[in-house]
ModelCIF file with pLDDT and N, C-alpha, C, O atoms, coordinates in Angstrom:
data_MODEL
#
_entry.id   MODEL 
#
_entity.id                         1 
_entity.type                       polymer 
_entity.pdbx_number_of_molecules   1 
#
_entity_poly.entity_id                      1 
_entity_poly.type                           'polypeptide(L)' 
_entity_poly.nstd_linkage                   no 
_entity_poly.nstd_monomer                   no 
_entity_poly.pdbx_seq_one_letter_code       
;(UNK)(UNK)(UNK)(UNK)(UNK)(UNK)(UNK)(UNK)(UNK)(UNK)(UNK)(UNK)(UNK)(UNK)(UNK)(UNK)
(UNK)(UNK)(UNK)(UNK)(UNK)(UNK)(UNK)(UNK)(UNK)(UNK)(UNK)(UNK)(UNK)(UNK)(UNK)(UNK)
(UNK)(UNK)(UNK)
;
_entity_poly.pdbx_seq_one_letter_code_can   XXXXXXXXXXXXXXXXXXXXXXXXXXXXXXXXXXX 
_entity_poly.pdbx_strand_id                 A 
#
loop_
_entity_poly_seq.entity_id 
_entity_poly_seq.num 
_entity_poly_seq.mon_id 
_entity_poly_seq.hetero 
1 1  UNK n 
1 2  UNK n 
1 3  UNK n 
1 4  UNK n 
1 5  UNK n 
1 6  UNK n 
1 7  UNK n 
1 8  UNK n 
1 9  UNK n 
1 10 UNK n 
1 11 UNK n 
1 12 UNK n 
1 13 UNK n 
1 14 UNK n 
1 15 UNK n 
1 16 UNK n 
1 17 UNK n 
1 18 UNK n 
1 19 UNK n 
1 20 UNK n 
1 21 UNK n 
1 22 UNK n 
1 23 UNK n 
1 24 UNK n 
1 25 UNK n 
1 26 UNK n 
1 27 UNK n 
1 28 UNK n 
1 29 UNK n 
1 30 UNK n 
1 31 UNK n 
1 32 UNK n 
1 33 UNK n 
1 34 UNK n 
1 35 UNK n 
#
_struct_asym.id          A 
_struct_asym.entity_id   1 
#
loop_
_ma_qa_metric.id 
_ma_qa_metric.mode 
_ma_qa_metric.name 
_ma_qa_metric.software_group_id 
_ma_qa_metric.type 
1 global pLDDT . pLDDT 
2 local  pLDDT . pLDDT 
#
_ma_qa_metric_global.metric_id      1 
_ma_qa_metric_global.metric_value   96.71 
_ma_qa_metric_global.model_id       1 
_ma_qa_metric_global.ordinal_id     1 
#
loop_
_ma_qa_metric_local.label_asym_id 
_ma_qa_metric_local.label_comp_id 
_ma_qa_metric_local.label_seq_id 
_ma_qa_metric_local.metric_id 
_ma_qa_metric_local.metric_value 
_ma_qa_metric_local.model_id 
_ma_qa_metric_local.ordinal_id 
A UNK 1  2 93.00 1 1  
A UNK 2  2 97.00 1 2  
A UNK 3  2 97.00 1 3  
A UNK 4  2 98.00 1 4  
A UNK 5  2 98.00 1 5  
A UNK 6  2 98.00 1 6  
A UNK 7  2 98.00 1 7  
A UNK 8  2 98.00 1 8  
A UNK 9  2 98.00 1 9  
A UNK 10 2 98.00 1 10 
A UNK 11 2 98.00 1 11 
A UNK 12 2 98.00 1 12 
A UNK 13 2 98.00 1 13 
A UNK 14 2 98.00 1 14 
A UNK 15 2 98.00 1 15 
A UNK 16 2 97.00 1 16 
A UNK 17 2 97.00 1 17 
A UNK 18 2 98.00 1 18 
A UNK 19 2 98.00 1 19 
A UNK 20 2 98.00 1 20 
A UNK 21 2 98.00 1 21 
A UNK 22 2 98.00 1 22 
A UNK 23 2 98.00 1 23 
A UNK 24 2 98.00 1 24 
A UNK 25 2 98.00 1 25 
A UNK 26 2 98.00 1 26 
A UNK 27 2 98.00 1 27 
A UNK 28 2 98.00 1 28 
A UNK 29 2 98.00 1 29 
A UNK 30 2 98.00 1 30 
A UNK 31 2 97.00 1 31 
A UNK 32 2 94.00 1 32 
A UNK 33 2 92.00 1 33 
A UNK 34 2 86.00 1 34 
A UNK 35 2 85.00 1 35 
#
loop_
_atom_site.group_PDB 
_atom_site.id 
_atom_site.type_symbol 
_atom_site.label_atom_id 
_atom_site.label_alt_id 
_atom_site.label_comp_id 
_atom_site.label_asym_id 
_atom_site.label_entity_id 
_atom_site.label_seq_id 
_atom_site.pdbx_PDB_ins_code 
_atom_site.Cartn_x 
_atom_site.Cartn_y 
_atom_site.Cartn_z 
_atom_site.occupancy 
_atom_site.B_iso_or_equiv 
_atom_site.pdbx_formal_charge 
_atom_site.auth_seq_id 
_atom_site.auth_comp_id 
_atom_site.auth_asym_id 
_atom_site.auth_atom_id 
_atom_site.pdbx_PDB_model_num 
ATOM 1   N N  . UNK A 1 1  ? 11.101 3.545   4.262   1.00 93.00 ? 1  UNK A N  1 
ATOM 2   C CA . UNK A 1 1  ? 10.712 2.455   4.952   1.00 93.00 ? 1  UNK A CA 1 
ATOM 3   C C  . UNK A 1 1  ? 9.366  2.062   3.925   1.00 93.00 ? 1  UNK A C  1 
ATOM 4   O O  . UNK A 1 1  ? 8.270  1.756   4.395   1.00 93.00 ? 1  UNK A O  1 
ATOM 5   N N  . UNK A 1 2  ? 9.595  2.115   2.740   1.00 97.00 ? 2  UNK A N  1 
ATOM 6   C CA . UNK A 1 2  ? 8.588  1.838   1.811   1.00 97.00 ? 2  UNK A CA 1 
ATOM 7   C C  . UNK A 1 2  ? 9.141  1.419   0.358   1.00 97.00 ? 2  UNK A C  1 
ATOM 8   O O  . UNK A 1 2  ? 10.333 1.558   0.080   1.00 97.00 ? 2  UNK A O  1 
ATOM 9   N N  . UNK A 1 3  ? 8.084  0.832   -0.663  1.00 97.00 ? 3  UNK A N  1 
ATOM 10  C CA . UNK A 1 3  ? 8.584  0.106   -1.633  1.00 97.00 ? 3  UNK A CA 1 
ATOM 11  C C  . UNK A 1 3  ? 7.656  0.614   -2.403  1.00 97.00 ? 3  UNK A C  1 
ATOM 12  O O  . UNK A 1 3  ? 6.480  0.482   -2.066  1.00 97.00 ? 3  UNK A O  1 
ATOM 13  N N  . UNK A 1 4  ? 8.046  1.396   -3.765  1.00 98.00 ? 4  UNK A N  1 
ATOM 14  C CA . UNK A 1 4  ? 7.045  1.713   -4.966  1.00 98.00 ? 4  UNK A CA 1 
ATOM 15  C C  . UNK A 1 4  ? 7.212  0.775   -5.824  1.00 98.00 ? 4  UNK A C  1 
ATOM 16  O O  . UNK A 1 4  ? 8.296  0.372   -6.245  1.00 98.00 ? 4  UNK A O  1 
ATOM 17  N N  . UNK A 1 5  ? 6.019  0.347   -6.151  1.00 98.00 ? 5  UNK A N  1 
ATOM 18  C CA . UNK A 1 5  ? 5.697  -0.555  -7.350  1.00 98.00 ? 5  UNK A CA 1 
ATOM 19  C C  . UNK A 1 5  ? 4.523  -0.266  -8.122  1.00 98.00 ? 5  UNK A C  1 
ATOM 20  O O  . UNK A 1 5  ? 3.518  0.320   -7.718  1.00 98.00 ? 5  UNK A O  1 
ATOM 21  N N  . UNK A 1 6  ? 4.768  -0.801  -9.448  1.00 98.00 ? 6  UNK A N  1 
ATOM 22  C CA . UNK A 1 6  ? 3.859  -0.470  -10.359 1.00 98.00 ? 6  UNK A CA 1 
ATOM 23  C C  . UNK A 1 6  ? 2.717  -1.829  -10.293 1.00 98.00 ? 6  UNK A C  1 
ATOM 24  O O  . UNK A 1 6  ? 3.094  -3.000  -10.260 1.00 98.00 ? 6  UNK A O  1 
ATOM 25  N N  . UNK A 1 7  ? 1.335  -1.417  -10.284 1.00 98.00 ? 7  UNK A N  1 
ATOM 26  C CA . UNK A 1 7  ? 0.359  -2.845  -10.647 1.00 98.00 ? 7  UNK A CA 1 
ATOM 27  C C  . UNK A 1 7  ? -1.016 -2.201  -10.971 1.00 98.00 ? 7  UNK A C  1 
ATOM 28  O O  . UNK A 1 7  ? -1.591 -1.331  -10.318 1.00 98.00 ? 7  UNK A O  1 
ATOM 29  N N  . UNK A 1 8  ? -1.430 -2.818  -12.136 1.00 98.00 ? 8  UNK A N  1 
ATOM 30  C CA . UNK A 1 8  ? -2.518 -2.259  -13.011 1.00 98.00 ? 8  UNK A CA 1 
ATOM 31  C C  . UNK A 1 8  ? -2.637 -0.948  -13.387 1.00 98.00 ? 8  UNK A C  1 
ATOM 32  O O  . UNK A 1 8  ? -3.667 -0.277  -13.320 1.00 98.00 ? 8  UNK A O  1 
ATOM 33  N N  . UNK A 1 9  ? -1.123 -0.451  -13.949 1.00 98.00 ? 9  UNK A N  1 
ATOM 34  C CA . UNK A 1 9  ? -0.974 0.915   -14.217 1.00 98.00 ? 9  UNK A CA 1 
ATOM 35  C C  . UNK A 1 9  ? -1.109 1.891   -13.386 1.00 98.00 ? 9  UNK A C  1 
ATOM 36  O O  . UNK A 1 9  ? -1.240 3.055   -13.763 1.00 98.00 ? 9  UNK A O  1 
ATOM 37  N N  . UNK A 1 10 ? -1.086 1.422   -11.785 1.00 98.00 ? 10 UNK A N  1 
ATOM 38  C CA . UNK A 1 10 ? -0.958 2.305   -10.788 1.00 98.00 ? 10 UNK A CA 1 
ATOM 39  C C  . UNK A 1 10 ? 0.123  2.367   -9.939  1.00 98.00 ? 10 UNK A C  1 
ATOM 40  O O  . UNK A 1 10 ? 0.774  1.329   -9.809  1.00 98.00 ? 10 UNK A O  1 
ATOM 41  N N  . UNK A 1 11 ? 0.501  3.458   -9.263  1.00 98.00 ? 11 UNK A N  1 
ATOM 42  C CA . UNK A 1 11 ? 1.859  3.316   -8.505  1.00 98.00 ? 11 UNK A CA 1 
ATOM 43  C C  . UNK A 1 11 ? 1.233  3.237   -7.076  1.00 98.00 ? 11 UNK A C  1 
ATOM 44  O O  . UNK A 1 11 ? 0.395  4.043   -6.670  1.00 98.00 ? 11 UNK A O  1 
ATOM 45  N N  . UNK A 1 12 ? 1.705  2.224   -6.381  1.00 98.00 ? 12 UNK A N  1 
ATOM 46  C CA . UNK A 1 12 ? 1.520  1.822   -5.280  1.00 98.00 ? 12 UNK A CA 1 
ATOM 47  C C  . UNK A 1 12 ? 2.787  1.547   -4.496  1.00 98.00 ? 12 UNK A C  1 
ATOM 48  O O  . UNK A 1 12 ? 3.909  1.388   -4.979  1.00 98.00 ? 12 UNK A O  1 
ATOM 49  N N  . UNK A 1 13 ? 2.472  1.518   -3.313  1.00 98.00 ? 13 UNK A N  1 
ATOM 50  C CA . UNK A 1 13 ? 3.602  1.663   -2.114  1.00 98.00 ? 13 UNK A CA 1 
ATOM 51  C C  . UNK A 1 13 ? 3.464  0.550   -0.992  1.00 98.00 ? 13 UNK A C  1 
ATOM 52  O O  . UNK A 1 13 ? 2.590  0.730   -0.145  1.00 98.00 ? 13 UNK A O  1 
ATOM 53  N N  . UNK A 1 14 ? 4.172  -0.469  -0.924  1.00 98.00 ? 14 UNK A N  1 
ATOM 54  C CA . UNK A 1 14 ? 4.238  -1.193  0.016   1.00 98.00 ? 14 UNK A CA 1 
ATOM 55  C C  . UNK A 1 14 ? 5.161  -0.404  1.308   1.00 98.00 ? 14 UNK A C  1 
ATOM 56  O O  . UNK A 1 14 ? 6.363  -0.145  1.264   1.00 98.00 ? 14 UNK A O  1 
ATOM 57  N N  . UNK A 1 15 ? 4.400  -0.176  2.215   1.00 98.00 ? 15 UNK A N  1 
ATOM 58  C CA . UNK A 1 15 ? 5.075  0.153   3.527   1.00 98.00 ? 15 UNK A CA 1 
ATOM 59  C C  . UNK A 1 15 ? 5.505  -0.885  4.718   1.00 98.00 ? 15 UNK A C  1 
ATOM 60  O O  . UNK A 1 15 ? 4.774  -1.734  5.228   1.00 98.00 ? 15 UNK A O  1 
ATOM 61  N N  . UNK A 1 16 ? 6.834  -0.615  5.026   1.00 97.00 ? 16 UNK A N  1 
ATOM 62  C CA . UNK A 1 16 ? 7.551  -1.821  6.056   1.00 97.00 ? 16 UNK A CA 1 
ATOM 63  C C  . UNK A 1 16 ? 6.788  -2.339  6.784   1.00 97.00 ? 16 UNK A C  1 
ATOM 64  O O  . UNK A 1 16 ? 6.953  -3.514  7.112   1.00 97.00 ? 16 UNK A O  1 
ATOM 65  N N  . UNK A 1 17 ? 5.475  -1.410  7.350   1.00 97.00 ? 17 UNK A N  1 
ATOM 66  C CA . UNK A 1 17 ? 4.544  -2.231  8.445   1.00 97.00 ? 17 UNK A CA 1 
ATOM 67  C C  . UNK A 1 17 ? 3.952  -3.244  7.944   1.00 97.00 ? 17 UNK A C  1 
ATOM 68  O O  . UNK A 1 17 ? 3.647  -4.150  8.720   1.00 97.00 ? 17 UNK A O  1 
ATOM 69  N N  . UNK A 1 18 ? 3.668  -3.355  6.705   1.00 98.00 ? 18 UNK A N  1 
ATOM 70  C CA . UNK A 1 18 ? 2.563  -4.138  5.702   1.00 98.00 ? 18 UNK A CA 1 
ATOM 71  C C  . UNK A 1 18 ? 1.291  -3.760  5.314   1.00 98.00 ? 18 UNK A C  1 
ATOM 72  O O  . UNK A 1 18 ? 0.401  -4.491  4.880   1.00 98.00 ? 18 UNK A O  1 
ATOM 73  N N  . UNK A 1 19 ? 1.267  -2.500  5.512   1.00 98.00 ? 19 UNK A N  1 
ATOM 74  C CA . UNK A 1 19 ? 0.183  -1.569  4.945   1.00 98.00 ? 19 UNK A CA 1 
ATOM 75  C C  . UNK A 1 19 ? 0.413  -1.482  3.674   1.00 98.00 ? 19 UNK A C  1 
ATOM 76  O O  . UNK A 1 19 ? 1.521  -1.857  3.292   1.00 98.00 ? 19 UNK A O  1 
ATOM 77  N N  . UNK A 1 20 ? -0.402 -1.052  2.838   1.00 98.00 ? 20 UNK A N  1 
ATOM 78  C CA . UNK A 1 20 ? -0.465 -0.224  1.080   1.00 98.00 ? 20 UNK A CA 1 
ATOM 79  C C  . UNK A 1 20 ? -0.833 0.585   1.143   1.00 98.00 ? 20 UNK A C  1 
ATOM 80  O O  . UNK A 1 20 ? -1.909 0.872   1.667   1.00 98.00 ? 20 UNK A O  1 
ATOM 81  N N  . UNK A 1 21 ? 0.039  1.378   0.549   1.00 98.00 ? 21 UNK A N  1 
ATOM 82  C CA . UNK A 1 21 ? -0.807 3.014   0.375   1.00 98.00 ? 21 UNK A CA 1 
ATOM 83  C C  . UNK A 1 21 ? -0.733 3.207   -1.046  1.00 98.00 ? 21 UNK A C  1 
ATOM 84  O O  . UNK A 1 21 ? 0.189  2.679   -1.668  1.00 98.00 ? 21 UNK A O  1 
ATOM 85  N N  . UNK A 1 22 ? -1.819 4.081   -1.779  1.00 98.00 ? 22 UNK A N  1 
ATOM 86  C CA . UNK A 1 22 ? -2.156 4.202   -2.876  1.00 98.00 ? 22 UNK A CA 1 
ATOM 87  C C  . UNK A 1 22 ? -2.475 5.727   -2.929  1.00 98.00 ? 22 UNK A C  1 
ATOM 88  O O  . UNK A 1 22 ? -3.521 6.239   -2.531  1.00 98.00 ? 22 UNK A O  1 
ATOM 89  N N  . UNK A 1 23 ? -1.213 6.490   -3.585  1.00 98.00 ? 23 UNK A N  1 
ATOM 90  C CA . UNK A 1 23 ? -1.357 7.948   -3.248  1.00 98.00 ? 23 UNK A CA 1 
ATOM 91  C C  . UNK A 1 23 ? -2.580 8.683   -4.039  1.00 98.00 ? 23 UNK A C  1 
ATOM 92  O O  . UNK A 1 23 ? -3.406 9.496   -3.625  1.00 98.00 ? 23 UNK A O  1 
ATOM 93  N N  . UNK A 1 24 ? -2.411 8.153   -5.214  1.00 98.00 ? 24 UNK A N  1 
ATOM 94  C CA . UNK A 1 24 ? -3.489 8.832   -6.098  1.00 98.00 ? 24 UNK A CA 1 
ATOM 95  C C  . UNK A 1 24 ? -4.855 8.852   -5.708  1.00 98.00 ? 24 UNK A C  1 
ATOM 96  O O  . UNK A 1 24 ? -5.699 9.552   -6.266  1.00 98.00 ? 24 UNK A O  1 
ATOM 97  N N  . UNK A 1 25 ? -5.156 7.830   -4.431  1.00 98.00 ? 25 UNK A N  1 
ATOM 98  C CA . UNK A 1 25 ? -6.506 7.800   -4.169  1.00 98.00 ? 25 UNK A CA 1 
ATOM 99  C C  . UNK A 1 25 ? -6.240 7.862   -3.115  1.00 98.00 ? 25 UNK A C  1 
ATOM 100 O O  . UNK A 1 25 ? -7.044 7.237   -2.424  1.00 98.00 ? 25 UNK A O  1 
ATOM 101 N N  . UNK A 1 26 ? -5.290 8.435   -2.443  1.00 98.00 ? 26 UNK A N  1 
ATOM 102 C CA . UNK A 1 26 ? -5.184 8.646   -0.631  1.00 98.00 ? 26 UNK A CA 1 
ATOM 103 C C  . UNK A 1 26 ? -6.002 7.799   0.000   1.00 98.00 ? 26 UNK A C  1 
ATOM 104 O O  . UNK A 1 26 ? -6.895 8.064   0.804   1.00 98.00 ? 26 UNK A O  1 
ATOM 105 N N  . UNK A 1 27 ? -5.523 6.403   -0.555  1.00 98.00 ? 27 UNK A N  1 
ATOM 106 C CA . UNK A 1 27 ? -6.144 5.204   0.380   1.00 98.00 ? 27 UNK A CA 1 
ATOM 107 C C  . UNK A 1 27 ? -4.894 4.342   1.147   1.00 98.00 ? 27 UNK A C  1 
ATOM 108 O O  . UNK A 1 27 ? -3.746 4.295   0.705   1.00 98.00 ? 27 UNK A O  1 
ATOM 109 N N  . UNK A 1 28 ? -5.276 3.791   2.168   1.00 98.00 ? 28 UNK A N  1 
ATOM 110 C CA . UNK A 1 28 ? -4.500 2.762   3.066   1.00 98.00 ? 28 UNK A CA 1 
ATOM 111 C C  . UNK A 1 28 ? -5.335 1.827   2.796   1.00 98.00 ? 28 UNK A C  1 
ATOM 112 O O  . UNK A 1 28 ? -6.505 2.064   2.495   1.00 98.00 ? 28 UNK A O  1 
ATOM 113 N N  . UNK A 1 29 ? -4.739 0.428   2.885   1.00 98.00 ? 29 UNK A N  1 
ATOM 114 C CA . UNK A 1 29 ? -4.940 -0.886  2.655   1.00 98.00 ? 29 UNK A CA 1 
ATOM 115 C C  . UNK A 1 29 ? -4.438 -1.545  3.910   1.00 98.00 ? 29 UNK A C  1 
ATOM 116 O O  . UNK A 1 29 ? -3.306 -1.094  4.085   1.00 98.00 ? 29 UNK A O  1 
ATOM 117 N N  . UNK A 1 30 ? -4.737 -2.402  4.877   1.00 98.00 ? 30 UNK A N  1 
ATOM 118 C CA . UNK A 1 30 ? -4.328 -3.501  5.993   1.00 98.00 ? 30 UNK A CA 1 
ATOM 119 C C  . UNK A 1 30 ? -5.299 -4.800  5.766   1.00 98.00 ? 30 UNK A C  1 
ATOM 120 O O  . UNK A 1 30 ? -6.480 -4.807  5.419   1.00 98.00 ? 30 UNK A O  1 
ATOM 121 N N  . UNK A 1 31 ? -4.504 -5.805  6.045   1.00 97.00 ? 31 UNK A N  1 
ATOM 122 C CA . UNK A 1 31 ? -5.228 -7.171  6.152   1.00 97.00 ? 31 UNK A CA 1 
ATOM 123 C C  . UNK A 1 31 ? -5.196 -7.804  6.923   1.00 97.00 ? 31 UNK A C  1 
ATOM 124 O O  . UNK A 1 31 ? -4.033 -7.771  7.326   1.00 97.00 ? 31 UNK A O  1 
ATOM 125 N N  . UNK A 1 32 ? -5.956 -8.704  7.711   1.00 94.00 ? 32 UNK A N  1 
ATOM 126 C CA . UNK A 1 32 ? -5.789 -9.632  8.615   1.00 94.00 ? 32 UNK A CA 1 
ATOM 127 C C  . UNK A 1 32 ? -5.156 -9.144  9.662   1.00 94.00 ? 32 UNK A C  1 
ATOM 128 O O  . UNK A 1 32 ? -4.064 -9.583  10.024  1.00 94.00 ? 32 UNK A O  1 
ATOM 129 N N  . UNK A 1 33 ? -5.843 -8.094  10.310  1.00 92.00 ? 33 UNK A N  1 
ATOM 130 C CA . UNK A 1 33 ? -5.687 -7.784  11.679  1.00 92.00 ? 33 UNK A CA 1 
ATOM 131 C C  . UNK A 1 33 ? -5.904 -8.577  12.612  1.00 92.00 ? 33 UNK A C  1 
ATOM 132 O O  . UNK A 1 33 ? -5.348 -8.206  13.645  1.00 92.00 ? 33 UNK A O  1 
ATOM 133 N N  . UNK A 1 34 ? -6.615 -9.751  12.736  1.00 86.00 ? 34 UNK A N  1 
ATOM 134 C CA . UNK A 1 34 ? -7.078 -10.374 13.733  1.00 86.00 ? 34 UNK A CA 1 
ATOM 135 C C  . UNK A 1 34 ? -7.290 -9.837  15.188  1.00 86.00 ? 34 UNK A C  1 
ATOM 136 O O  . UNK A 1 34 ? -6.942 -10.357 16.249  1.00 86.00 ? 34 UNK A O  1 
ATOM 137 N N  . UNK A 1 35 ? -7.855 -8.832  14.995  1.00 85.00 ? 35 UNK A N  1 
ATOM 138 C CA . UNK A 1 35 ? -7.870 -8.040  16.709  1.00 85.00 ? 35 UNK A CA 1 
ATOM 139 C C  . UNK A 1 35 ? -8.829 -8.990  17.232  1.00 85.00 ? 35 UNK A C  1 
ATOM 140 O O  . UNK A 1 35 ? -9.205 -8.907  18.401  1.00 85.00 ? 35 UNK A O  1 
#
């Protein structure tokens, strides 16, 4: 449930949930939660 792609020389993963995963930095990014 993810798609790996290259961006700015980095391998990133678009998760099916809408989150972004940057494995090399162990970084998860989400946008516009609108809690």
